[in-house]
Amino acid sequence: MDEQKLADLFRDAAHDAPPASFDASDVRTASRRATVRRRNSIAAGTTLAVVLGFGGAVAGTNWIAQDKNNSSVAGPGQQENNAAQSPMTPLEQDQRKDFPKDETSKQGDATSQGSAGLTPGVRAVQGCAGVDRELAVALAGELSVPPEFAIPPTVTCSPDSRSAAFKIDGLTITAIVTPQAFDPPAGAQVEKTETAANQDLYVFTQGDGELKGKAKPIATALAPRF
């Protein structure tokens, strides 16, 4: 088949094709419809977003208001619970704040016998029934022992006397400062001297030990301090 016949066949086939089912007017109509649908979809989406945002804002406002109401309702009850848990009234609490904290410790030291717990220069009038702190510290310094090891003497003296004793290696050494007459125990090695305050100082040892016979130098060292 030559090219002329082939061209005729194609031309005849084009003439025999059915006419188009739409024209330019149909295309324009379809385009307008698509545009309208797209605009409607955008408008619907915007409306839905606005509705959801407004609903969330309303819900948040309601939640905040409810939380405030719950807090205001629980507040008085909580205060009542706190008041019930507190065993002291405000007046008692103020009095407790004003109460000296060290009063109890001072009273305990003042009434404790056989202890060197009093501060230097402070003592209870107890005679030989307890340890005088200041005398115990001074005597401990001469003996090179801790003042906490002081014990009450095993003798009796007037209530206005001051006393302290230490037991070291089986020997007991005692010091007593008194304005009254005092009778040292029998068998003790005693040294008596006058203090700076014109009171009598007795230093005596009982038993055997390295400090036996050391009463005189100890009394000489203690006398100026009392």
Protein backbone atom coordinates (compact mmCIF):
# COMPACT_ATOMS: atom_id res chain seq x y z
CA MET A 1 0.00 0.00 0.00
CA ASP A 2 1.43 3.35 -0.99
CA GLU A 3 1.42 6.47 1.06
CA GLN A 4 -1.43 8.05 -0.90
CA LYS A 5 -3.84 5.27 -0.09
CA LEU A 6 -2.80 5.31 3.59
CA ALA A 7 -3.46 9.01 3.86
CA ASP A 8 -6.91 8.58 2.26
CA LEU A 9 -7.82 5.91 4.78
CA PHE A 10 -6.93 8.12 7.76
CA ARG A 11 -8.87 11.00 6.32
CA ASP A 12 -11.93 8.88 5.76
CA ALA A 13 -11.70 7.56 9.36
CA ALA A 14 -11.65 11.13 10.76
CA HIS A 15 -14.78 12.03 8.83
CA ASP A 16 -16.57 8.95 10.11
CA ALA A 17 -15.90 9.79 13.90
CA PRO A 18 -19.03 10.65 15.98
CA PRO A 19 -19.49 14.26 17.02
CA ALA A 20 -18.30 15.35 20.56
CA SER A 21 -20.86 14.92 23.40
CA PHE A 22 -19.90 18.30 25.05
CA ASP A 23 -18.86 21.72 23.95
CA ALA A 24 -17.13 24.77 25.44
CA SER A 25 -20.28 25.78 27.31
CA ASP A 26 -20.38 22.44 29.09
CA VAL A 27 -16.75 22.85 30.16
CA ARG A 28 -17.38 26.31 31.61
CA THR A 29 -20.42 25.03 33.53
CA ALA A 30 -18.49 22.14 35.05
CA SER A 31 -15.67 24.50 36.09
CA ARG A 32 -18.09 26.84 37.86
CA ARG A 33 -19.64 23.91 39.73
CA ALA A 34 -16.21 22.70 40.92
CA THR A 35 -15.33 26.17 42.12
CA VAL A 36 -18.59 26.43 44.09
CA ARG A 37 -18.03 23.05 45.71
CA ARG A 38 -14.49 24.01 46.71
CA ARG A 39 -15.69 27.28 48.27
CA ASN A 40 -18.44 25.44 50.16
CA SER A 41 -15.89 22.96 51.54
CA ILE A 42 -13.62 25.79 52.75
CA ALA A 43 -16.53 27.59 54.39
CA ALA A 44 -17.69 24.41 56.12
CA GLY A 45 -14.18 23.71 57.46
CA THR A 46 -13.85 27.26 58.78
CA THR A 47 -17.23 27.07 60.50
CA LEU A 48 -16.32 23.75 62.13
CA ALA A 49 -13.03 25.18 63.45
CA VAL A 50 -14.81 28.19 64.92
CA VAL A 51 -17.41 25.99 66.59
CA LEU A 52 -14.78 23.70 68.08
CA GLY A 53 -12.70 26.64 69.36
CA PHE A 54 -15.70 28.28 70.95
CA GLY A 55 -16.73 25.01 72.57
CA GLY A 56 -13.22 24.50 74.00
CA ALA A 57 -13.16 28.02 75.42
CA VAL A 58 -16.53 27.52 77.09
CA ALA A 59 -15.43 24.18 78.55
CA GLY A 60 -12.19 25.68 79.88
CA THR A 61 -14.06 28.57 81.50
CA ASN A 62 -16.48 26.19 83.16
CA TRP A 63 -13.62 24.02 84.45
CA ILE A 64 -11.79 27.01 85.95
CA ALA A 65 -14.97 28.27 87.60
CA GLN A 66 -15.68 24.82 89.05
CA ASP A 67 -12.13 24.53 90.38
CA LYS A 68 -12.43 27.93 92.10
CA ASN A 69 -15.74 26.89 93.64
CA ASN A 70 -14.20 23.66 94.94
CA SER A 71 -11.27 25.58 96.41
CA SER A 72 -13.55 28.06 98.16
CA VAL A 73 -15.68 25.24 99.55
CA ALA A 74 -12.68 23.22 100.74
CA GLY A 75 -10.92 26.23 102.28
CA PRO A 76 -12.96 26.57 105.51
CA GLY A 77 -12.98 22.81 105.99
CA GLN A 78 -9.22 22.67 105.60
CA GLN A 79 -8.81 25.50 108.11
CA GLU A 80 -11.05 23.63 110.55
CA ASN A 81 -8.96 20.49 110.11
CA ASN A 82 -5.77 22.46 110.73
CA ALA A 83 -7.26 24.05 113.80
CA ALA A 84 -8.37 20.64 115.07
CA GLN A 85 -4.89 19.22 114.59
CA SER A 86 -3.26 22.07 116.57
CA PRO A 87 -3.42 21.25 120.29
CA MET A 88 -2.55 24.79 121.34
CA THR A 89 -4.54 27.99 121.11
CA PRO A 90 -2.87 31.09 119.58
CA LEU A 91 -2.39 32.50 123.09
CA GLU A 92 -0.64 29.29 124.21
CA GLN A 93 1.56 29.35 121.14
CA ASP A 94 2.60 32.95 121.87
CA GLN A 95 3.35 32.04 125.47
CA ARG A 96 5.42 29.08 124.30
CA LYS A 97 7.46 31.38 122.04
CA ASP A 98 8.11 33.76 124.92
CA PHE A 99 9.10 30.94 127.30
CA PRO A 100 12.90 30.69 127.73
CA LYS A 101 14.22 27.57 126.05
CA ASP A 102 17.05 27.04 128.50
CA GLU A 103 14.89 27.33 131.63
CA THR A 104 14.38 23.57 131.85
CA SER A 105 18.06 22.81 131.47
CA LYS A 106 18.96 25.39 134.12
CA GLN A 107 16.47 23.89 136.57
CA GLY A 108 17.75 20.41 135.82
CA ASP A 109 21.34 21.46 136.52
CA ALA A 110 20.37 23.27 139.69
CA THR A 111 18.54 20.25 141.14
CA SER A 112 20.96 17.59 139.94
CA GLN A 113 23.22 16.40 142.74
CA GLY A 114 26.56 14.69 142.26
CA SER A 115 27.14 16.37 138.88
CA ALA A 116 29.50 19.12 137.73
CA GLY A 117 26.89 20.44 135.29
CA LEU A 118 26.61 23.99 136.65
CA THR A 119 28.41 26.78 134.83
CA PRO A 120 31.46 28.29 136.60
CA GLY A 121 30.41 30.80 139.25
CA VAL A 122 26.85 29.41 139.49
CA ARG A 123 25.97 26.87 142.13
CA ALA A 124 23.08 25.65 144.24
CA VAL A 125 23.22 25.91 148.03
CA GLN A 126 23.61 22.24 148.75
CA GLY A 127 26.57 21.81 151.06
CA CYS A 128 28.20 18.40 150.78
CA ALA A 129 25.10 16.81 149.24
CA GLY A 130 26.25 17.72 145.72
CA VAL A 131 29.15 18.90 143.62
CA ASP A 132 29.99 22.59 143.30
CA ARG A 133 30.88 23.22 139.64
CA GLU A 134 33.43 25.98 140.18
CA LEU A 135 35.26 24.12 142.93
CA ALA A 136 35.18 20.89 140.89
CA VAL A 137 36.75 22.61 137.88
CA ALA A 138 39.48 24.15 140.01
CA LEU A 139 40.25 20.90 141.83
CA ALA A 140 40.20 18.92 138.55
CA GLY A 141 42.76 21.33 137.12
CA GLU A 142 45.15 20.62 139.99
CA LEU A 143 44.61 16.87 139.63
CA SER A 144 44.76 16.86 135.81
CA VAL A 145 41.46 14.98 135.50
CA PRO A 146 38.18 15.88 133.73
CA PRO A 147 35.77 17.84 135.99
CA GLU A 148 32.92 15.59 134.85
CA PHE A 149 34.33 12.85 137.10
CA ALA A 150 33.61 14.86 140.26
CA ILE A 151 31.52 13.15 142.96
CA PRO A 152 29.83 14.44 146.15
CA PRO A 153 31.92 14.05 149.30
CA THR A 154 31.14 11.30 151.78
CA VAL A 155 31.01 13.77 154.68
CA THR A 156 28.48 16.23 156.06
CA CYS A 157 28.87 20.02 156.01
CA SER A 158 26.68 23.13 156.33
CA PRO A 159 24.27 24.00 153.45
CA ASP A 160 26.21 27.18 152.62
CA SER A 161 29.39 25.19 151.99
CA ARG A 162 30.87 24.32 148.61
CA SER A 163 32.34 20.88 147.97
CA ALA A 164 33.77 18.53 145.36
CA ALA A 165 35.64 15.23 145.43
CA PHE A 166 37.48 12.89 143.07
CA LYS A 167 38.36 9.23 143.43
CA ILE A 168 41.65 8.36 141.73
CA ASP A 169 43.34 4.96 141.92
CA GLY A 170 41.70 4.00 145.20
CA LEU A 171 42.34 7.39 146.81
CA THR A 172 39.63 9.98 147.41
CA ILE A 173 40.61 13.65 147.57
CA THR A 174 38.04 16.17 148.81
CA ALA A 175 37.91 19.97 148.87
CA ILE A 176 35.40 21.92 150.98
CA VAL A 177 35.03 25.71 151.23
CA THR A 178 32.84 26.70 154.16
CA PRO A 179 32.12 29.72 156.40
CA GLN A 180 31.04 27.36 159.17
CA ALA A 181 32.90 24.97 161.45
CA PHE A 182 33.75 21.63 159.87
CA ASP A 183 35.08 18.40 161.34
CA PRO A 184 37.19 16.39 158.89
CA PRO A 185 36.75 12.60 158.94
CA ALA A 186 38.99 10.62 161.24
CA GLY A 187 42.09 9.14 159.63
CA ALA A 188 42.14 11.58 156.74
CA GLN A 189 45.21 13.62 155.88
CA VAL A 190 43.86 17.18 156.16
CA GLU A 191 45.17 20.58 155.08
CA LYS A 192 43.26 23.67 156.24
CA THR A 193 43.82 27.20 154.93
CA GLU A 194 41.96 30.49 154.54
CA THR A 195 40.54 31.56 151.18
CA ALA A 196 40.55 35.01 149.57
CA ALA A 197 36.95 35.49 150.79
CA ASN A 198 37.97 34.73 154.41
CA GLN A 199 36.37 31.30 154.44
CA ASP A 200 37.94 28.01 155.47
CA LEU A 201 39.24 25.64 152.81
CA TYR A 202 39.69 22.00 153.73
CA VAL A 203 41.55 19.64 151.42
CA PHE A 204 41.96 16.06 152.63
CA THR A 205 42.74 12.64 151.24
CA GLN A 206 41.39 9.23 152.21
CA GLY A 207 42.93 5.93 151.19
CA ASP A 208 46.18 5.13 149.45
CA GLY A 209 47.43 6.40 146.11
CA GLU A 210 49.92 8.61 144.38
CA LEU A 211 48.15 11.78 145.59
CA LYS A 212 48.47 10.87 149.25
CA GLY A 213 50.32 13.68 151.00
CA LYS A 214 49.48 16.20 148.21
CA ALA A 215 46.73 18.00 150.15
CA LYS A 216 48.90 20.98 151.14
CA PRO A 217 50.06 22.11 147.64
CA ILE A 218 46.55 21.64 146.31
CA ALA A 219 45.03 23.74 149.11
CA THR A 220 47.64 26.45 148.54
CA ALA A 221 46.72 26.58 144.82
CA LEU A 222 42.94 26.65 145.42
CA ALA A 223 42.75 29.19 148.26
CA PRO A 224 43.27 32.38 146.18
CA ARG A 225 40.40 31.44 143.85
CA PHE A 226 37.80 31.36 146.60
